[in-house]
Protein backbone atom coordinates (compact mmCIF):
# COMPACT_ATOMS: atom_id res chain seq x y z
CA UNK A 1 0.00 0.00 0.00
CA UNK A 2 1.27 3.47 -0.83
CA UNK A 3 2.25 5.72 2.04
CA UNK A 4 0.28 8.91 2.58
CA UNK A 5 2.50 11.59 1.11
CA UNK A 6 2.06 15.36 0.76
CA UNK A 7 1.19 16.65 -2.70
CA UNK A 8 4.26 17.27 -4.88
CA UNK A 9 5.58 20.79 -5.20
CA UNK A 10 5.32 22.17 -8.70
CA UNK A 11 7.79 25.01 -8.05
CA UNK A 12 10.64 22.77 -6.90
CA UNK A 13 13.98 22.70 -8.69
CA UNK A 14 14.12 20.14 -11.53
CA UNK A 15 14.97 16.60 -10.54
CA UNK A 16 16.75 16.07 -13.85
CA UNK A 17 19.46 18.70 -13.41
CA UNK A 18 21.40 18.05 -16.59
CA UNK A 19 25.01 18.78 -17.42
CA UNK A 20 25.62 19.38 -21.13
CA UNK A 21 28.87 17.95 -22.41
CA UNK A 22 30.66 18.14 -25.76
CA UNK A 23 33.56 16.23 -27.27
CA UNK A 24 35.14 15.60 -30.66
CA UNK A 25 35.18 11.99 -31.79
CA UNK A 26 35.49 10.32 -35.19
CA UNK A 27 35.85 13.80 -36.70
CA UNK A 28 32.46 14.95 -35.37
CA UNK A 29 31.46 17.33 -32.61
CA UNK A 30 29.23 15.23 -30.37
CA UNK A 31 27.06 16.06 -27.37
CA UNK A 32 26.03 14.28 -24.19
CA UNK A 33 23.68 14.83 -21.26
CA UNK A 34 24.78 13.80 -17.77
CA UNK A 35 22.51 13.62 -14.72
CA UNK A 36 24.26 13.12 -11.40
CA UNK A 37 21.62 12.91 -8.65
CA UNK A 38 23.98 11.05 -6.33
CA UNK A 39 22.93 8.32 -3.88
CA UNK A 40 19.36 7.52 -2.96
CA UNK A 41 18.02 6.53 -6.39
CA UNK A 42 16.87 3.20 -7.81
CA UNK A 43 16.69 2.91 -11.57
CA UNK A 44 15.25 0.45 -14.03
CA UNK A 45 16.66 0.61 -17.53
CA UNK A 46 17.11 -1.20 -20.83
CA UNK A 47 20.41 0.64 -21.39
CA UNK A 48 23.54 -1.09 -22.65
CA UNK A 49 25.45 0.10 -19.55
CA UNK A 50 23.90 -0.30 -16.12
CA UNK A 51 20.69 -1.85 -17.41
CA UNK A 52 18.37 -3.82 -15.19
CA UNK A 53 17.13 -2.71 -11.76
CA UNK A 54 19.55 -1.39 -9.14
CA UNK A 55 20.69 1.68 -7.24
CA UNK A 56 22.51 4.04 -9.61
CA UNK A 57 24.24 7.39 -9.10
CA UNK A 58 24.20 8.89 -12.59
CA UNK A 59 22.72 8.65 -16.09
CA UNK A 60 24.64 9.50 -19.27
CA UNK A 61 22.92 9.91 -22.64
CA UNK A 62 25.74 10.14 -25.17
CA UNK A 63 25.57 11.00 -28.85
CA UNK A 64 27.80 8.90 -31.09
CA UNK A 65 28.79 9.27 -34.72
CA UNK A 66 26.52 8.02 -37.47
CA UNK A 67 27.71 4.62 -38.62
CA UNK A 68 28.94 3.75 -35.12
CA UNK A 69 30.92 0.52 -35.35
CA UNK A 70 32.48 -0.05 -31.94
CA UNK A 71 31.76 -3.47 -30.47
CA UNK A 72 32.27 -2.40 -26.83
CA UNK A 73 29.55 0.23 -26.24
CA UNK A 74 29.36 -0.42 -22.49
CA UNK A 75 33.10 0.22 -22.09
CA UNK A 76 32.84 3.28 -24.34
CA UNK A 77 30.04 4.75 -22.20
CA UNK A 78 31.87 3.96 -18.97
CA UNK A 79 34.96 5.76 -20.27
CA UNK A 80 32.90 8.80 -21.29
CA UNK A 81 31.21 8.94 -17.88
CA UNK A 82 34.50 8.60 -16.06
CA UNK A 83 36.04 11.38 -18.15
CA UNK A 84 33.09 13.60 -17.18
CA UNK A 85 33.69 12.97 -13.49
CA UNK A 86 30.85 10.52 -12.83
CA UNK A 87 31.62 8.08 -10.03
CA UNK A 88 29.97 4.93 -8.80
CA UNK A 89 27.51 2.74 -10.72
CA UNK A 90 25.45 4.44 -13.40
CA UNK A 91 23.36 4.05 -16.52
CA UNK A 92 24.67 4.77 -20.01
CA UNK A 93 22.55 5.25 -23.13
CA UNK A 94 23.67 5.93 -26.71
CA UNK A 95 22.09 7.51 -29.75
CA UNK A 96 23.14 8.89 -33.11
CA UNK A 97 20.56 11.67 -32.68
CA UNK A 98 21.67 15.13 -31.59
CA UNK A 99 21.14 15.00 -27.83
CA UNK A 100 21.50 18.78 -27.54
CA UNK A 101 18.04 18.96 -29.18
CA UNK A 102 16.32 17.19 -26.30
CA UNK A 103 12.72 17.58 -25.17
CA UNK A 104 11.84 18.09 -21.51
CA UNK A 105 8.56 18.06 -19.60
CA UNK A 106 7.33 18.05 -15.99
CA UNK A 107 4.00 17.05 -14.56
CA UNK A 108 3.19 17.17 -10.86
CA UNK A 109 6.71 16.25 -9.80
CA UNK A 110 7.36 13.67 -12.52
CA UNK A 111 9.97 14.66 -15.09
CA UNK A 112 11.16 13.33 -18.42
CA UNK A 113 13.96 14.19 -20.83
CA UNK A 114 13.87 12.64 -24.29
CA UNK A 115 16.20 12.60 -27.28
CA UNK A 116 14.74 11.45 -30.56
CA UNK A 117 15.85 10.57 -34.05
CA UNK A 118 13.25 8.83 -36.18
CA UNK A 119 14.92 8.20 -39.53
CA UNK A 120 14.74 4.45 -38.86
CA UNK A 121 11.33 3.64 -37.45
CA UNK A 122 8.53 1.12 -37.71
CA UNK A 123 6.13 -1.11 -35.82
CA UNK A 124 7.21 -3.52 -33.11
CA UNK A 125 5.39 -6.56 -34.54
CA UNK A 126 6.65 -7.33 -38.05
CA UNK A 127 7.10 -10.62 -39.97
CA UNK A 128 10.88 -10.32 -40.31
CA UNK A 129 13.18 -12.28 -38.03
CA UNK A 130 15.21 -10.42 -35.43
CA UNK A 131 18.99 -10.19 -35.54
CA UNK A 132 21.33 -11.76 -33.00
CA UNK A 133 23.95 -9.76 -31.16
CA UNK A 134 24.19 -6.16 -30.04
CA UNK A 135 21.92 -3.60 -31.66
CA UNK A 136 23.10 -0.21 -32.94
CA UNK A 137 22.79 2.81 -30.61
CA UNK A 138 19.28 3.65 -29.44
CA UNK A 139 17.42 6.39 -31.26
CA UNK A 140 14.58 7.47 -28.94
CA UNK A 141 16.06 7.59 -25.44
CA UNK A 142 13.77 8.33 -22.49
CA UNK A 143 15.09 9.30 -19.06
CA UNK A 144 12.41 9.90 -16.44
CA UNK A 145 12.50 10.58 -12.71
CA UNK A 146 9.91 10.40 -9.94
CA UNK A 147 10.46 11.94 -6.48
CA UNK A 148 8.89 8.95 -4.71
CA UNK A 149 9.84 5.34 -4.00
CA UNK A 150 8.44 2.58 -6.20
CA UNK A 151 8.34 -1.16 -5.64
CA UNK A 152 10.19 -3.39 -8.10
CA UNK A 153 6.92 -4.21 -9.85
CA UNK A 154 5.96 -0.54 -10.02
CA UNK A 155 9.30 0.31 -11.62
CA UNK A 156 8.65 -2.27 -14.32
CA UNK A 157 5.13 -0.86 -14.64
CA UNK A 158 6.65 2.62 -15.07
CA UNK A 159 8.67 1.39 -18.06
CA UNK A 160 5.46 0.11 -19.63
CA UNK A 161 3.73 3.43 -18.95
CA UNK A 162 6.60 5.45 -20.44
CA UNK A 163 6.62 3.24 -23.53
CA UNK A 164 2.86 3.57 -24.03
CA UNK A 165 3.16 7.36 -23.70
CA UNK A 166 5.98 7.38 -26.27
CA UNK A 167 3.85 5.50 -28.78
CA UNK A 168 0.92 7.85 -28.12
CA UNK A 169 3.16 10.86 -28.79
CA UNK A 170 4.42 9.34 -32.06
CA UNK A 171 0.88 8.70 -33.27
CA UNK A 172 -0.25 12.17 -32.18
CA UNK A 173 2.61 13.59 -34.29
CA UNK A 174 1.26 11.74 -37.32
CA UNK A 175 4.04 9.16 -37.43
CA UNK A 176 3.01 5.69 -38.55
CA UNK A 177 5.19 3.73 -36.11
CA UNK A 178 5.56 2.47 -32.55
CA UNK A 179 9.19 3.58 -32.24
CA UNK A 180 12.62 2.69 -33.59
CA UNK A 181 14.31 -0.72 -33.37
CA UNK A 182 16.77 0.42 -30.71
CA UNK A 183 14.83 2.70 -28.34
CA UNK A 184 16.00 2.76 -24.72
CA UNK A 185 14.47 3.89 -21.44
CA UNK A 186 15.56 4.65 -17.89
CA UNK A 187 13.14 5.41 -15.05
CA UNK A 188 14.51 6.59 -11.70
CA UNK A 189 12.71 6.63 -8.36
CA UNK A 190 13.84 7.40 -4.84
CA UNK A 191 15.04 4.65 -2.52
CA UNK A 192 12.85 3.82 0.44
CA UNK A 193 13.86 5.86 3.48
CA UNK A 194 12.74 6.00 7.10
CA UNK A 195 9.00 6.49 7.23
CA UNK A 196 8.66 6.58 3.44
CA UNK A 197 6.63 3.80 1.87
CA UNK A 198 6.79 2.44 -1.64
CA UNK A 199 4.16 3.08 -4.26
CA UNK A 200 2.99 -0.28 -5.55
CA UNK A 201 1.59 0.89 -8.90
CA UNK A 202 2.83 3.05 -11.78
CA UNK A 203 0.34 2.27 -14.52
CA UNK A 204 -1.12 5.15 -16.53
CA UNK A 205 -4.15 5.51 -14.26
CA UNK A 206 -2.20 5.43 -10.99
CA UNK A 207 -1.23 8.70 -9.30
CA UNK A 208 2.41 8.74 -10.32
CA UNK A 209 2.01 6.71 -13.48
CA UNK A 210 -0.43 9.28 -14.85
CA UNK A 211 2.05 12.07 -14.16
CA UNK A 212 4.86 10.06 -15.72
CA UNK A 213 2.78 9.35 -18.82
CA UNK A 214 1.93 13.02 -19.36
CA UNK A 215 5.56 14.10 -18.84
CA UNK A 216 6.93 11.48 -21.27
CA UNK A 217 4.21 12.23 -23.82
CA UNK A 218 5.06 15.94 -23.89
CA UNK A 219 8.83 15.37 -23.80
CA UNK A 220 8.70 12.97 -26.76
CA UNK A 221 6.56 15.43 -28.69
CA UNK A 222 9.02 18.23 -27.99
CA UNK A 223 12.02 16.08 -28.98
CA UNK A 224 10.71 14.94 -32.36
CA UNK A 225 12.51 16.68 -35.26
CA UNK A 226 9.20 17.91 -36.71
CA UNK A 227 8.49 19.75 -33.46
CA UNK A 228 11.56 21.98 -33.76
C-alpha atoms as a PDB file:
ATOM      1  CA  UNK A   1       0.000   0.000   0.000  1.00  0.00           C
ATOM      2  CA  UNK A   2       1.271   3.475  -0.828  1.00  0.00           C
ATOM      3  CA  UNK A   3       2.254   5.721   2.042  1.00  0.00           C
ATOM      4  CA  UNK A   4       0.282   8.907   2.584  1.00  0.00           C
ATOM      5  CA  UNK A   5       2.498  11.592   1.110  1.00  0.00           C
ATOM      6  CA  UNK A   6       2.065  15.356   0.762  1.00  0.00           C
ATOM      7  CA  UNK A   7       1.193  16.650  -2.702  1.00  0.00           C
ATOM      8  CA  UNK A   8       4.259  17.269  -4.876  1.00  0.00           C
ATOM      9  CA  UNK A   9       5.581  20.791  -5.204  1.00  0.00           C
ATOM     10  CA  UNK A  10       5.323  22.170  -8.703  1.00  0.00           C
ATOM     11  CA  UNK A  11       7.790  25.009  -8.050  1.00  0.00           C
ATOM     12  CA  UNK A  12      10.645  22.773  -6.900  1.00  0.00           C
ATOM     13  CA  UNK A  13      13.980  22.698  -8.689  1.00  0.00           C
ATOM     14  CA  UNK A  14      14.120  20.142 -11.531  1.00  0.00           C
ATOM     15  CA  UNK A  15      14.971  16.598 -10.538  1.00  0.00           C
ATOM     16  CA  UNK A  16      16.751  16.074 -13.855  1.00  0.00           C
ATOM     17  CA  UNK A  17      19.460  18.699 -13.405  1.00  0.00           C
ATOM     18  CA  UNK A  18      21.399  18.045 -16.589  1.00  0.00           C
ATOM     19  CA  UNK A  19      25.012  18.777 -17.417  1.00  0.00           C
ATOM     20  CA  UNK A  20      25.619  19.379 -21.132  1.00  0.00           C
ATOM     21  CA  UNK A  21      28.866  17.950 -22.409  1.00  0.00           C
ATOM     22  CA  UNK A  22      30.655  18.137 -25.763  1.00  0.00           C
ATOM     23  CA  UNK A  23      33.558  16.235 -27.269  1.00  0.00           C
ATOM     24  CA  UNK A  24      35.143  15.598 -30.662  1.00  0.00           C
ATOM     25  CA  UNK A  25      35.181  11.987 -31.785  1.00  0.00           C
ATOM     26  CA  UNK A  26      35.486  10.317 -35.188  1.00  0.00           C
ATOM     27  CA  UNK A  27      35.847  13.797 -36.699  1.00  0.00           C
ATOM     28  CA  UNK A  28      32.462  14.955 -35.369  1.00  0.00           C
ATOM     29  CA  UNK A  29      31.462  17.327 -32.613  1.00  0.00           C
ATOM     30  CA  UNK A  30      29.228  15.235 -30.371  1.00  0.00           C
ATOM     31  CA  UNK A  31      27.063  16.060 -27.368  1.00  0.00           C
ATOM     32  CA  UNK A  32      26.029  14.277 -24.191  1.00  0.00           C
ATOM     33  CA  UNK A  33      23.682  14.834 -21.259  1.00  0.00           C
ATOM     34  CA  UNK A  34      24.778  13.801 -17.775  1.00  0.00           C
ATOM     35  CA  UNK A  35      22.506  13.623 -14.725  1.00  0.00           C
ATOM     36  CA  UNK A  36      24.263  13.118 -11.395  1.00  0.00           C
ATOM     37  CA  UNK A  37      21.616  12.912  -8.653  1.00  0.00           C
ATOM     38  CA  UNK A  38      23.976  11.048  -6.334  1.00  0.00           C
ATOM     39  CA  UNK A  39      22.930   8.323  -3.885  1.00  0.00           C
ATOM     40  CA  UNK A  40      19.363   7.521  -2.961  1.00  0.00           C
ATOM     41  CA  UNK A  41      18.023   6.529  -6.386  1.00  0.00           C
ATOM     42  CA  UNK A  42      16.872   3.199  -7.807  1.00  0.00           C
ATOM     43  CA  UNK A  43      16.687   2.906 -11.571  1.00  0.00           C
ATOM     44  CA  UNK A  44      15.252   0.450 -14.035  1.00  0.00           C
ATOM     45  CA  UNK A  45      16.662   0.609 -17.534  1.00  0.00           C
ATOM     46  CA  UNK A  46      17.112  -1.197 -20.827  1.00  0.00           C
ATOM     47  CA  UNK A  47      20.411   0.642 -21.387  1.00  0.00           C
ATOM     48  CA  UNK A  48      23.539  -1.087 -22.650  1.00  0.00           C
ATOM     49  CA  UNK A  49      25.450   0.099 -19.546  1.00  0.00           C
ATOM     50  CA  UNK A  50      23.896  -0.302 -16.118  1.00  0.00           C
ATOM     51  CA  UNK A  51      20.691  -1.852 -17.413  1.00  0.00           C
ATOM     52  CA  UNK A  52      18.368  -3.821 -15.186  1.00  0.00           C
ATOM     53  CA  UNK A  53      17.125  -2.710 -11.765  1.00  0.00           C
ATOM     54  CA  UNK A  54      19.545  -1.390  -9.136  1.00  0.00           C
ATOM     55  CA  UNK A  55      20.693   1.681  -7.244  1.00  0.00           C
ATOM     56  CA  UNK A  56      22.512   4.035  -9.607  1.00  0.00           C
ATOM     57  CA  UNK A  57      24.240   7.387  -9.098  1.00  0.00           C
ATOM     58  CA  UNK A  58      24.197   8.889 -12.591  1.00  0.00           C
ATOM     59  CA  UNK A  59      22.721   8.646 -16.094  1.00  0.00           C
ATOM     60  CA  UNK A  60      24.645   9.501 -19.269  1.00  0.00           C
ATOM     61  CA  UNK A  61      22.918   9.911 -22.642  1.00  0.00           C
ATOM     62  CA  UNK A  62      25.738  10.142 -25.172  1.00  0.00           C
ATOM     63  CA  UNK A  63      25.570  11.003 -28.848  1.00  0.00           C
ATOM     64  CA  UNK A  64      27.803   8.895 -31.091  1.00  0.00           C
ATOM     65  CA  UNK A  65      28.788   9.275 -34.724  1.00  0.00           C
ATOM     66  CA  UNK A  66      26.515   8.023 -37.473  1.00  0.00           C
ATOM     67  CA  UNK A  67      27.710   4.624 -38.622  1.00  0.00           C
ATOM     68  CA  UNK A  68      28.940   3.748 -35.116  1.00  0.00           C
ATOM     69  CA  UNK A  69      30.918   0.515 -35.345  1.00  0.00           C
ATOM     70  CA  UNK A  70      32.484  -0.048 -31.937  1.00  0.00           C
ATOM     71  CA  UNK A  71      31.755  -3.471 -30.475  1.00  0.00           C
ATOM     72  CA  UNK A  72      32.266  -2.395 -26.832  1.00  0.00           C
ATOM     73  CA  UNK A  73      29.547   0.230 -26.242  1.00  0.00           C
ATOM     74  CA  UNK A  74      29.362  -0.424 -22.490  1.00  0.00           C
ATOM     75  CA  UNK A  75      33.098   0.217 -22.089  1.00  0.00           C
ATOM     76  CA  UNK A  76      32.841   3.278 -24.336  1.00  0.00           C
ATOM     77  CA  UNK A  77      30.036   4.751 -22.198  1.00  0.00           C
ATOM     78  CA  UNK A  78      31.873   3.958 -18.969  1.00  0.00           C
ATOM     79  CA  UNK A  79      34.963   5.756 -20.274  1.00  0.00           C
ATOM     80  CA  UNK A  80      32.899   8.800 -21.288  1.00  0.00           C
ATOM     81  CA  UNK A  81      31.212   8.939 -17.884  1.00  0.00           C
ATOM     82  CA  UNK A  82      34.503   8.595 -16.059  1.00  0.00           C
ATOM     83  CA  UNK A  83      36.040  11.377 -18.148  1.00  0.00           C
ATOM     84  CA  UNK A  84      33.092  13.600 -17.184  1.00  0.00           C
ATOM     85  CA  UNK A  85      33.687  12.966 -13.489  1.00  0.00           C
ATOM     86  CA  UNK A  86      30.851  10.521 -12.828  1.00  0.00           C
ATOM     87  CA  UNK A  87      31.616   8.077 -10.028  1.00  0.00           C
ATOM     88  CA  UNK A  88      29.970   4.926  -8.803  1.00  0.00           C
ATOM     89  CA  UNK A  89      27.511   2.737 -10.725  1.00  0.00           C
ATOM     90  CA  UNK A  90      25.447   4.440 -13.397  1.00  0.00           C
ATOM     91  CA  UNK A  91      23.356   4.054 -16.516  1.00  0.00           C
ATOM     92  CA  UNK A  92      24.668   4.775 -20.010  1.00  0.00           C
ATOM     93  CA  UNK A  93      22.549   5.246 -23.130  1.00  0.00           C
ATOM     94  CA  UNK A  94      23.671   5.928 -26.707  1.00  0.00           C
ATOM     95  CA  UNK A  95      22.090   7.512 -29.753  1.00  0.00           C
ATOM     96  CA  UNK A  96      23.142   8.888 -33.106  1.00  0.00           C
ATOM     97  CA  UNK A  97      20.560  11.666 -32.682  1.00  0.00           C
ATOM     98  CA  UNK A  98      21.668  15.132 -31.591  1.00  0.00           C
ATOM     99  CA  UNK A  99      21.140  15.005 -27.832  1.00  0.00           C
ATOM    100  CA  UNK A 100      21.501  18.779 -27.535  1.00  0.00           C
ATOM    101  CA  UNK A 101      18.042  18.959 -29.176  1.00  0.00           C
ATOM    102  CA  UNK A 102      16.317  17.186 -26.302  1.00  0.00           C
ATOM    103  CA  UNK A 103      12.722  17.575 -25.171  1.00  0.00           C
ATOM    104  CA  UNK A 104      11.842  18.094 -21.507  1.00  0.00           C
ATOM    105  CA  UNK A 105       8.560  18.056 -19.599  1.00  0.00           C
ATOM    106  CA  UNK A 106       7.334  18.054 -15.988  1.00  0.00           C
ATOM    107  CA  UNK A 107       4.004  17.052 -14.560  1.00  0.00           C
ATOM    108  CA  UNK A 108       3.187  17.172 -10.863  1.00  0.00           C
ATOM    109  CA  UNK A 109       6.713  16.255  -9.796  1.00  0.00           C
ATOM    110  CA  UNK A 110       7.359  13.668 -12.522  1.00  0.00           C
ATOM    111  CA  UNK A 111       9.972  14.660 -15.090  1.00  0.00           C
ATOM    112  CA  UNK A 112      11.159  13.326 -18.423  1.00  0.00           C
ATOM    113  CA  UNK A 113      13.964  14.186 -20.826  1.00  0.00           C
ATOM    114  CA  UNK A 114      13.870  12.641 -24.287  1.00  0.00           C
ATOM    115  CA  UNK A 115      16.201  12.601 -27.275  1.00  0.00           C
ATOM    116  CA  UNK A 116      14.737  11.454 -30.558  1.00  0.00           C
ATOM    117  CA  UNK A 117      15.847  10.571 -34.046  1.00  0.00           C
ATOM    118  CA  UNK A 118      13.247   8.826 -36.177  1.00  0.00           C
ATOM    119  CA  UNK A 119      14.919   8.198 -39.525  1.00  0.00           C
ATOM    120  CA  UNK A 120      14.741   4.446 -38.859  1.00  0.00           C
ATOM    121  CA  UNK A 121      11.327   3.639 -37.446  1.00  0.00           C
ATOM    122  CA  UNK A 122       8.527   1.122 -37.711  1.00  0.00           C
ATOM    123  CA  UNK A 123       6.133  -1.112 -35.821  1.00  0.00           C
ATOM    124  CA  UNK A 124       7.215  -3.518 -33.108  1.00  0.00           C
ATOM    125  CA  UNK A 125       5.387  -6.563 -34.543  1.00  0.00           C
ATOM    126  CA  UNK A 126       6.655  -7.327 -38.052  1.00  0.00           C
ATOM    127  CA  UNK A 127       7.102 -10.616 -39.969  1.00  0.00           C
ATOM    128  CA  UNK A 128      10.880 -10.318 -40.311  1.00  0.00           C
ATOM    129  CA  UNK A 129      13.183 -12.284 -38.026  1.00  0.00           C
ATOM    130  CA  UNK A 130      15.214 -10.423 -35.427  1.00  0.00           C
ATOM    131  CA  UNK A 131      18.990 -10.191 -35.544  1.00  0.00           C
ATOM    132  CA  UNK A 132      21.329 -11.755 -33.003  1.00  0.00           C
ATOM    133  CA  UNK A 133      23.954  -9.758 -31.162  1.00  0.00           C
ATOM    134  CA  UNK A 134      24.191  -6.160 -30.044  1.00  0.00           C
ATOM    135  CA  UNK A 135      21.917  -3.598 -31.656  1.00  0.00           C
ATOM    136  CA  UNK A 136      23.102  -0.205 -32.941  1.00  0.00           C
ATOM    137  CA  UNK A 137      22.794   2.815 -30.613  1.00  0.00           C
ATOM    138  CA  UNK A 138      19.279   3.646 -29.443  1.00  0.00           C
ATOM    139  CA  UNK A 139      17.417   6.386 -31.257  1.00  0.00           C
ATOM    140  CA  UNK A 140      14.584   7.467 -28.941  1.00  0.00           C
ATOM    141  CA  UNK A 141      16.056   7.586 -25.443  1.00  0.00           C
ATOM    142  CA  UNK A 142      13.766   8.334 -22.493  1.00  0.00           C
ATOM    143  CA  UNK A 143      15.089   9.297 -19.058  1.00  0.00           C
ATOM    144  CA  UNK A 144      12.407   9.902 -16.439  1.00  0.00           C
ATOM    145  CA  UNK A 145      12.495  10.580 -12.706  1.00  0.00           C
ATOM    146  CA  UNK A 146       9.907  10.395  -9.944  1.00  0.00           C
ATOM    147  CA  UNK A 147      10.464  11.939  -6.480  1.00  0.00           C
ATOM    148  CA  UNK A 148       8.895   8.945  -4.713  1.00  0.00           C
ATOM    149  CA  UNK A 149       9.841   5.341  -3.995  1.00  0.00           C
ATOM    150  CA  UNK A 150       8.440   2.578  -6.198  1.00  0.00           C
ATOM    151  CA  UNK A 151       8.339  -1.164  -5.642  1.00  0.00           C
ATOM    152  CA  UNK A 152      10.189  -3.390  -8.104  1.00  0.00           C
ATOM    153  CA  UNK A 153       6.917  -4.212  -9.851  1.00  0.00           C
ATOM    154  CA  UNK A 154       5.964  -0.538 -10.016  1.00  0.00           C
ATOM    155  CA  UNK A 155       9.299   0.314 -11.616  1.00  0.00           C
ATOM    156  CA  UNK A 156       8.652  -2.266 -14.320  1.00  0.00           C
ATOM    157  CA  UNK A 157       5.126  -0.859 -14.643  1.00  0.00           C
ATOM    158  CA  UNK A 158       6.648   2.619 -15.066  1.00  0.00           C
ATOM    159  CA  UNK A 159       8.672   1.393 -18.064  1.00  0.00           C
ATOM    160  CA  UNK A 160       5.456   0.109 -19.630  1.00  0.00           C
ATOM    161  CA  UNK A 161       3.731   3.433 -18.948  1.00  0.00           C
ATOM    162  CA  UNK A 162       6.600   5.454 -20.435  1.00  0.00           C
ATOM    163  CA  UNK A 163       6.620   3.238 -23.533  1.00  0.00           C
ATOM    164  CA  UNK A 164       2.862   3.573 -24.028  1.00  0.00           C
ATOM    165  CA  UNK A 165       3.158   7.361 -23.696  1.00  0.00           C
ATOM    166  CA  UNK A 166       5.984   7.376 -26.266  1.00  0.00           C
ATOM    167  CA  UNK A 167       3.850   5.501 -28.783  1.00  0.00           C
ATOM    168  CA  UNK A 168       0.916   7.851 -28.123  1.00  0.00           C
ATOM    169  CA  UNK A 169       3.163  10.856 -28.788  1.00  0.00           C
ATOM    170  CA  UNK A 170       4.421   9.340 -32.055  1.00  0.00           C
ATOM    171  CA  UNK A 171       0.880   8.696 -33.266  1.00  0.00           C
ATOM    172  CA  UNK A 172      -0.245  12.167 -32.180  1.00  0.00           C
ATOM    173  CA  UNK A 173       2.605  13.586 -34.291  1.00  0.00           C
ATOM    174  CA  UNK A 174       1.258  11.736 -37.319  1.00  0.00           C
ATOM    175  CA  UNK A 175       4.037   9.161 -37.426  1.00  0.00           C
ATOM    176  CA  UNK A 176       3.012   5.691 -38.553  1.00  0.00           C
ATOM    177  CA  UNK A 177       5.192   3.735 -36.108  1.00  0.00           C
ATOM    178  CA  UNK A 178       5.561   2.474 -32.548  1.00  0.00           C
ATOM    179  CA  UNK A 179       9.186   3.580 -32.238  1.00  0.00           C
ATOM    180  CA  UNK A 180      12.616   2.693 -33.590  1.00  0.00           C
ATOM    181  CA  UNK A 181      14.312  -0.724 -33.373  1.00  0.00           C
ATOM    182  CA  UNK A 182      16.775   0.421 -30.711  1.00  0.00           C
ATOM    183  CA  UNK A 183      14.831   2.699 -28.340  1.00  0.00           C
ATOM    184  CA  UNK A 184      16.004   2.759 -24.722  1.00  0.00           C
ATOM    185  CA  UNK A 185      14.472   3.887 -21.444  1.00  0.00           C
ATOM    186  CA  UNK A 186      15.562   4.651 -17.886  1.00  0.00           C
ATOM    187  CA  UNK A 187      13.138   5.408 -15.046  1.00  0.00           C
ATOM    188  CA  UNK A 188      14.514   6.588 -11.704  1.00  0.00           C
ATOM    189  CA  UNK A 189      12.710   6.628  -8.355  1.00  0.00           C
ATOM    190  CA  UNK A 190      13.843   7.398  -4.836  1.00  0.00           C
ATOM    191  CA  UNK A 191      15.044   4.653  -2.524  1.00  0.00           C
ATOM    192  CA  UNK A 192      12.848   3.816   0.437  1.00  0.00           C
ATOM    193  CA  UNK A 193      13.860   5.864   3.480  1.00  0.00           C
ATOM    194  CA  UNK A 194      12.742   5.997   7.097  1.00  0.00           C
ATOM    195  CA  UNK A 195       9.001   6.486   7.230  1.00  0.00           C
ATOM    196  CA  UNK A 196       8.662   6.583   3.441  1.00  0.00           C
ATOM    197  CA  UNK A 197       6.631   3.798   1.875  1.00  0.00           C
ATOM    198  CA  UNK A 198       6.794   2.444  -1.643  1.00  0.00           C
ATOM    199  CA  UNK A 199       4.162   3.077  -4.262  1.00  0.00           C
ATOM    200  CA  UNK A 200       2.994  -0.280  -5.554  1.00  0.00           C
ATOM    201  CA  UNK A 201       1.594   0.890  -8.897  1.00  0.00           C
ATOM    202  CA  UNK A 202       2.834   3.047 -11.779  1.00  0.00           C
ATOM    203  CA  UNK A 203       0.336   2.265 -14.515  1.00  0.00           C
ATOM    204  CA  UNK A 204      -1.119   5.148 -16.530  1.00  0.00           C
ATOM    205  CA  UNK A 205      -4.153   5.511 -14.256  1.00  0.00           C
ATOM    206  CA  UNK A 206      -2.197   5.431 -10.993  1.00  0.00           C
ATOM    207  CA  UNK A 207      -1.229   8.696  -9.296  1.00  0.00           C
ATOM    208  CA  UNK A 208       2.410   8.737 -10.317  1.00  0.00           C
ATOM    209  CA  UNK A 209       2.011   6.705 -13.475  1.00  0.00           C
ATOM    210  CA  UNK A 210      -0.425   9.281 -14.853  1.00  0.00           C
ATOM    211  CA  UNK A 211       2.055  12.067 -14.163  1.00  0.00           C
ATOM    212  CA  UNK A 212       4.863  10.059 -15.718  1.00  0.00           C
ATOM    213  CA  UNK A 213       2.776   9.355 -18.819  1.00  0.00           C
ATOM    214  CA  UNK A 214       1.934  13.021 -19.356  1.00  0.00           C
ATOM    215  CA  UNK A 215       5.558  14.101 -18.839  1.00  0.00           C
ATOM    216  CA  UNK A 216       6.927  11.484 -21.271  1.00  0.00           C
ATOM    217  CA  UNK A 217       4.207  12.233 -23.825  1.00  0.00           C
ATOM    218  CA  UNK A 218       5.060  15.940 -23.887  1.00  0.00           C
ATOM    219  CA  UNK A 219       8.827  15.369 -23.804  1.00  0.00           C
ATOM    220  CA  UNK A 220       8.701  12.966 -26.761  1.00  0.00           C
ATOM    221  CA  UNK A 221       6.560  15.427 -28.693  1.00  0.00           C
ATOM    222  CA  UNK A 222       9.018  18.225 -27.989  1.00  0.00           C
ATOM    223  CA  UNK A 223      12.025  16.083 -28.982  1.00  0.00           C
ATOM    224  CA  UNK A 224      10.709  14.940 -32.358  1.00  0.00           C
ATOM    225  CA  UNK A 225      12.508  16.681 -35.262  1.00  0.00           C
ATOM    226  CA  UNK A 226       9.204  17.910 -36.710  1.00  0.00           C
ATOM    227  CA  UNK A 227       8.495  19.753 -33.456  1.00  0.00           C
ATOM    228  CA  UNK A 228      11.564  21.983 -33.760  1.00  0.00           C
END
